[in-house]
C-alpha atoms as a PDB file:
ATOM      1  CA  MET A   1      89.701  21.324  22.564  1.00  0.00           C
ATOM      2  CA  GLU A   2      93.205  20.890  23.880  1.00  0.00           C
ATOM      3  CA  PHE A   3      95.243  23.354  25.921  1.00  0.00           C
ATOM      4  CA  SER A   4      98.850  23.120  27.036  1.00  0.00           C
ATOM      5  CA  TYR A   5      99.878  25.014  30.144  1.00  0.00           C
ATOM      6  CA  GLU A   6     102.849  25.388  32.404  1.00  0.00           C
ATOM      7  CA  TYR A   7     102.489  25.508  36.204  1.00  0.00           C
ATOM      8  CA  ASN A   8     105.410  25.428  38.667  1.00  0.00           C
ATOM      9  CA  ASP A   9     107.853  24.649  35.832  1.00  0.00           C
ATOM     10  CA  GLN A  10     105.865  21.573  34.743  1.00  0.00           C
ATOM     11  CA  SER A  11     103.932  21.254  31.488  1.00  0.00           C
ATOM     12  CA  TYR A  12     100.357  19.988  31.534  1.00  0.00           C
ATOM     13  CA  THR A  13      97.870  19.250  28.789  1.00  0.00           C
ATOM     14  CA  LEU A  14      94.163  19.778  29.407  1.00  0.00           C
ATOM     15  CA  ARG A  15      91.789  18.151  26.943  1.00  0.00           C
ATOM     16  CA  LEU A  16      88.101  19.165  27.053  1.00  0.00           C
ATOM     17  CA  GLU A  17      85.620  16.970  25.221  1.00  0.00           C
ATOM     18  CA  PRO A  18      81.982  18.175  25.033  1.00  0.00           C
ATOM     19  CA  GLN A  19      79.545  15.382  25.908  1.00  0.00           C
ATOM     20  CA  SER A  20      76.011  14.900  24.531  1.00  0.00           C
ATOM     21  CA  ASP A  21      74.476  15.675  27.962  1.00  0.00           C
ATOM     22  CA  GLY A  22      76.014  19.191  28.065  1.00  0.00           C
ATOM     23  CA  THR A  23      78.903  18.264  30.363  1.00  0.00           C
ATOM     24  CA  TYR A  24      82.589  18.144  29.519  1.00  0.00           C
ATOM     25  CA  LYS A  25      85.041  15.319  29.923  1.00  0.00           C
ATOM     26  CA  ALA A  26      88.240  16.983  31.170  1.00  0.00           C
ATOM     27  CA  VAL A  27      91.464  14.995  30.918  1.00  0.00           C
ATOM     28  CA  VAL A  28      94.668  16.170  32.621  1.00  0.00           C
ATOM     29  CA  GLY A  29      97.480  13.646  32.315  1.00  0.00           C
ATOM     30  CA  ASP A  30      95.948  10.285  33.197  1.00  0.00           C
ATOM     31  CA  GLU A  31      93.152  11.804  35.323  1.00  0.00           C
ATOM     32  CA  GLU A  32      89.603  12.224  33.989  1.00  0.00           C
ATOM     33  CA  PHE A  33      86.902  14.515  35.353  1.00  0.00           C
ATOM     34  CA  THR A  34      83.271  15.139  34.427  1.00  0.00           C
ATOM     35  CA  VAL A  35      82.580  18.878  34.559  1.00  0.00           C
ATOM     36  CA  SER A  36      79.289  20.729  34.225  1.00  0.00           C
ATOM     37  CA  ILE A  37      79.024  24.515  34.405  1.00  0.00           C
ATOM     38  CA  GLN A  38      76.212  25.579  36.757  1.00  0.00           C
ATOM     39  CA  GLN A  39      76.773  29.349  36.672  1.00  0.00           C
ATOM     40  CA  SER A  40      79.225  31.630  34.879  1.00  0.00           C
ATOM     41  CA  ASN A  41      79.219  35.311  35.682  1.00  0.00           C
ATOM     42  CA  GLY A  42      82.001  37.831  34.989  1.00  0.00           C
ATOM     43  CA  GLY A  43      85.066  36.144  36.458  1.00  0.00           C
ATOM     44  CA  PHE A  44      83.190  33.630  38.636  1.00  0.00           C
ATOM     45  CA  ILE A  45      82.226  30.077  37.726  1.00  0.00           C
ATOM     46  CA  LEU A  46      80.256  27.553  39.756  1.00  0.00           C
ATOM     47  CA  SER A  47      80.669  24.042  38.391  1.00  0.00           C
ATOM     48  CA  ARG A  48      80.190  20.441  39.403  1.00  0.00           C
ATOM     49  CA  THR A  49      83.304  18.326  38.978  1.00  0.00           C
ATOM     50  CA  ASN A  50      82.726  14.598  39.376  1.00  0.00           C
ATOM     51  CA  GLY A  51      79.460  15.529  41.116  1.00  0.00           C
ATOM     52  CA  LYS A  52      81.024  17.887  43.668  1.00  0.00           C
ATOM     53  CA  PRO A  53      80.451  21.664  43.607  1.00  0.00           C
ATOM     54  CA  VAL A  54      83.565  23.679  42.729  1.00  0.00           C
ATOM     55  CA  GLN A  55      83.783  27.487  42.742  1.00  0.00           C
ATOM     56  CA  TYR A  56      86.512  29.447  41.088  1.00  0.00           C
ATOM     57  CA  TYR A  57      87.419  32.948  40.077  1.00  0.00           C
ATOM     58  CA  TYR A  58      89.342  33.665  36.911  1.00  0.00           C
ATOM     59  CA  ALA A  59      90.882  36.538  35.022  1.00  0.00           C
ATOM     60  CA  ASN A  60      92.614  36.681  31.669  1.00  0.00           C
ATOM     61  CA  GLU A  61      95.446  38.971  30.656  1.00  0.00           C
ATOM     62  CA  GLY A  62      96.479  38.319  27.068  1.00  0.00           C
ATOM     63  CA  GLN A  63      97.551  34.682  27.005  1.00  0.00           C
ATOM     64  CA  GLN A  64      97.907  34.400  30.783  1.00  0.00           C
ATOM     65  CA  HIS A  65      95.054  32.942  32.819  1.00  0.00           C
ATOM     66  CA  PHE A  66      94.713  33.460  36.568  1.00  0.00           C
ATOM     67  CA  VAL A  67      92.568  30.927  38.419  1.00  0.00           C
ATOM     68  CA  ALA A  68      91.644  30.650  42.104  1.00  0.00           C
ATOM     69  CA  LEU A  69      89.859  27.419  43.054  1.00  0.00           C
ATOM     70  CA  LYS A  70      87.790  27.729  46.215  1.00  0.00           C
ATOM     71  CA  GLY A  71      87.539  24.830  48.608  1.00  0.00           C
ATOM     72  CA  ARG A  72      88.816  23.837  52.015  1.00  0.00           C
ATOM     73  CA  VAL A  73      92.086  25.449  50.955  1.00  0.00           C
ATOM     74  CA  THR A  74      91.985  28.041  48.186  1.00  0.00           C
ATOM     75  CA  GLN A  75      94.442  27.142  45.436  1.00  0.00           C
ATOM     76  CA  HIS A  76      95.843  29.833  43.146  1.00  0.00           C
ATOM     77  CA  TYR A  77      97.271  29.217  39.689  1.00  0.00           C
ATOM     78  CA  THR A  78      98.843  31.404  37.054  1.00  0.00           C
ATOM     79  CA  LEU A  79      98.667  29.513  33.796  1.00  0.00           C
ATOM     80  CA  GLN A  80     100.471  30.392  30.604  1.00  0.00           C
ATOM     81  CA  PRO A  81     100.594  28.557  27.315  1.00  0.00           C
ATOM     82  CA  THR A  82     103.561  26.212  27.182  1.00  0.00           C
ATOM     83  CA  VAL A  83     106.809  27.732  25.901  1.00  0.00           C
ATOM     84  CA  SER A  84     109.623  25.561  24.572  1.00  0.00           C
ATOM     85  CA  SER A  85     112.778  25.226  26.706  1.00  0.00           C
ATOM     86  CA  GLU A  86     114.804  27.141  24.110  1.00  0.00           C
ATOM     87  CA  SER A  87     112.321  30.045  24.080  1.00  0.00           C
ATOM     88  CA  ARG A  88     112.278  30.050  27.893  1.00  0.00           C
ATOM     89  CA  ARG A  89     116.089  30.344  27.996  1.00  0.00           C
ATOM     90  CA  LYS A  90     115.963  33.278  25.555  1.00  0.00           C
ATOM     91  CA  GLN A  91     113.251  35.016  27.616  1.00  0.00           C
ATOM     92  CA  THR A  92     115.152  34.490  30.858  1.00  0.00           C
ATOM     93  CA  SER A  93     118.380  35.964  29.578  1.00  0.00           C
ATOM     94  CA  ALA A  94     116.607  38.807  27.787  1.00  0.00           C
ATOM     95  CA  HIS A  95     114.391  39.820  30.689  1.00  0.00           C
ATOM     96  CA  GLY A  96     116.760  39.094  33.606  1.00  0.00           C
ATOM     97  CA  SER A  97     114.541  36.483  35.253  1.00  0.00           C
ATOM     98  CA  GLY A  98     115.026  38.066  38.680  1.00  0.00           C
ATOM     99  CA  GLU A  99     112.619  40.943  38.015  1.00  0.00           C
ATOM    100  CA  LEU A 100     109.217  40.261  39.545  1.00  0.00           C
ATOM    101  CA  THR A 101     106.263  42.300  38.306  1.00  0.00           C
ATOM    102  CA  ALA A 102     102.581  42.468  39.270  1.00  0.00           C
ATOM    103  CA  GLN A 103     100.515  40.288  36.940  1.00  0.00           C
ATOM    104  CA  MET A 104      97.366  42.335  37.623  1.00  0.00           C
ATOM    105  CA  PRO A 105      96.390  45.400  39.677  1.00  0.00           C
ATOM    106  CA  GLY A 106      96.039  44.688  43.391  1.00  0.00           C
ATOM    107  CA  GLN A 107      97.271  45.344  46.905  1.00  0.00           C
ATOM    108  CA  VAL A 108     100.284  43.937  48.779  1.00  0.00           C
ATOM    109  CA  ILE A 109      98.647  42.267  51.788  1.00  0.00           C
ATOM    110  CA  GLU A 110     101.733  40.496  53.111  1.00  0.00           C
ATOM    111  CA  LEU A 111     105.445  41.201  52.634  1.00  0.00           C
ATOM    112  CA  LEU A 112     107.539  38.242  53.777  1.00  0.00           C
ATOM    113  CA  VAL A 113     111.113  39.301  52.881  1.00  0.00           C
ATOM    114  CA  ALA A 114     113.449  42.279  53.186  1.00  0.00           C
ATOM    115  CA  GLU A 115     116.165  43.650  50.918  1.00  0.00           C
ATOM    116  CA  GLY A 116     119.417  41.725  51.296  1.00  0.00           C
ATOM    117  CA  GLU A 117     117.652  38.548  52.432  1.00  0.00           C
ATOM    118  CA  SER A 118     118.623  35.194  50.874  1.00  0.00           C
ATOM    119  CA  VAL A 119     115.749  33.353  49.209  1.00  0.00           C
ATOM    120  CA  THR A 120     115.267  29.937  47.613  1.00  0.00           C
ATOM    121  CA  HIS A 121     113.537  29.036  44.348  1.00  0.00           C
ATOM    122  CA  GLY A 122     109.777  28.885  44.912  1.00  0.00           C
ATOM    123  CA  GLN A 123     109.853  30.701  48.282  1.00  0.00           C
ATOM    124  CA  THR A 124     106.889  33.050  48.765  1.00  0.00           C
ATOM    125  CA  LEU A 125     108.156  36.638  48.881  1.00  0.00           C
ATOM    126  CA  MET A 126     104.865  38.506  49.142  1.00  0.00           C
ATOM    127  CA  VAL A 127     101.128  38.027  48.774  1.00  0.00           C
ATOM    128  CA  LEU A 128      98.982  40.269  46.570  1.00  0.00           C
ATOM    129  CA  GLU A 129      95.208  40.492  46.654  1.00  0.00           C
ATOM    130  CA  ALA A 130      93.498  41.052  43.308  1.00  0.00           C
ATOM    131  CA  MET A 131      89.888  40.386  42.311  1.00  0.00           C
ATOM    132  CA  LYS A 132      89.210  38.533  45.598  1.00  0.00           C
ATOM    133  CA  MET A 133      92.191  36.252  44.877  1.00  0.00           C
ATOM    134  CA  GLU A 134      95.406  35.962  46.835  1.00  0.00           C
ATOM    135  CA  ILE A 135      98.378  35.735  44.484  1.00  0.00           C
ATOM    136  CA  ARG A 136     101.660  34.481  45.908  1.00  0.00           C
ATOM    137  CA  VAL A 137     104.736  36.071  44.359  1.00  0.00           C
ATOM    138  CA  VAL A 138     107.554  33.522  44.548  1.00  0.00           C
ATOM    139  CA  ALA A 139     111.305  33.618  44.003  1.00  0.00           C
ATOM    140  CA  PRO A 140     112.157  32.511  40.450  1.00  0.00           C
ATOM    141  CA  MET A 141     115.569  31.208  41.597  1.00  0.00           C
ATOM    142  CA  ASP A 142     117.889  30.879  44.580  1.00  0.00           C
ATOM    143  CA  GLY A 143     119.387  34.290  45.261  1.00  0.00           C
ATOM    144  CA  VAL A 144     119.269  37.498  47.260  1.00  0.00           C
ATOM    145  CA  VAL A 145     116.541  40.160  47.288  1.00  0.00           C
ATOM    146  CA  SER A 146     118.483  43.046  45.751  1.00  0.00           C
ATOM    147  CA  MET A 147     115.543  45.460  45.569  1.00  0.00           C
ATOM    148  CA  LEU A 148     112.001  45.777  46.958  1.00  0.00           C
ATOM    149  CA  THR A 149     109.883  48.501  45.371  1.00  0.00           C
ATOM    150  CA  VAL A 150     106.696  47.992  47.431  1.00  0.00           C
ATOM    151  CA  THR A 151     105.610  48.003  51.061  1.00  0.00           C
ATOM    152  CA  GLN A 152     102.858  46.090  52.822  1.00  0.00           C
ATOM    153  CA  GLY A 153      99.506  47.745  52.081  1.00  0.00           C
ATOM    154  CA  ALA A 154     100.731  49.345  48.844  1.00  0.00           C
ATOM    155  CA  THR A 155      98.497  49.338  45.771  1.00  0.00           C
ATOM    156  CA  VAL A 156     100.205  48.065  42.616  1.00  0.00           C
ATOM    157  CA  ASP A 157      99.462  48.341  38.910  1.00  0.00           C
ATOM    158  CA  ARG A 158      99.742  45.574  36.336  1.00  0.00           C
ATOM    159  CA  GLY A 159     103.334  45.283  35.146  1.00  0.00           C
ATOM    160  CA  GLN A 160     104.735  47.291  38.075  1.00  0.00           C
ATOM    161  CA  LEU A 161     108.132  46.108  39.320  1.00  0.00           C
ATOM    162  CA  LEU A 162     107.717  44.544  42.784  1.00  0.00           C
ATOM    163  CA  ALA A 163     111.162  43.158  43.555  1.00  0.00           C
ATOM    164  CA  GLN A 164     114.398  42.033  42.007  1.00  0.00           C
ATOM    165  CA  ILE A 165     116.286  38.841  42.861  1.00  0.00           C
ATOM    166  CA  LYS A 166     119.947  38.427  41.959  1.00  0.00           C
ATOM    167  CA  PRO A 167     121.368  34.917  41.658  1.00  0.00           C
ATOM    168  CA  LYS A 168     123.804  34.117  44.468  1.00  0.00           C
ATOM    169  CA  ALA A 169     126.677  33.936  41.956  1.00  0.00           C
ATOM    170  CA  GLU A 170     126.175  37.648  41.083  1.00  0.00           C
ATOM    171  CA  ASN A 171     126.438  38.947  44.665  1.00  0.00           C
END
């Protein structure tokens, strides 16, 4: 099985090869891992990766996959199937890439910016908690926060508008 995903504007290919002993050989780029699933239960998986225990939570929404790897530092990923550069340009212009929406229901646990504040591409704007995962909402571009529609502690629904960023050239 082969999957292509995009994370932080970079494309990755994950290849999973079932092995005769019940494990999987996982290949990402030039890195190889041996993975065995110890427990899988409704959004939680306990596995052994290269002999070390790894816990993660996951949720799926259509073709998007949300993964939180637990360890010394919890790492959060939102993975989507790879989209060609041309399709991405069409989506950006059609959807005004500055609109940030909640990817799943949750609660705003930290609000790090205010309306009118300048932000840089990749800067964390707020942190949502959903399904025991912390999801960082980041600026999709350099710009200015033109609208915030939530406050710290607010509960949000999937697809709800959280904020809007306008490119600096539009201000």
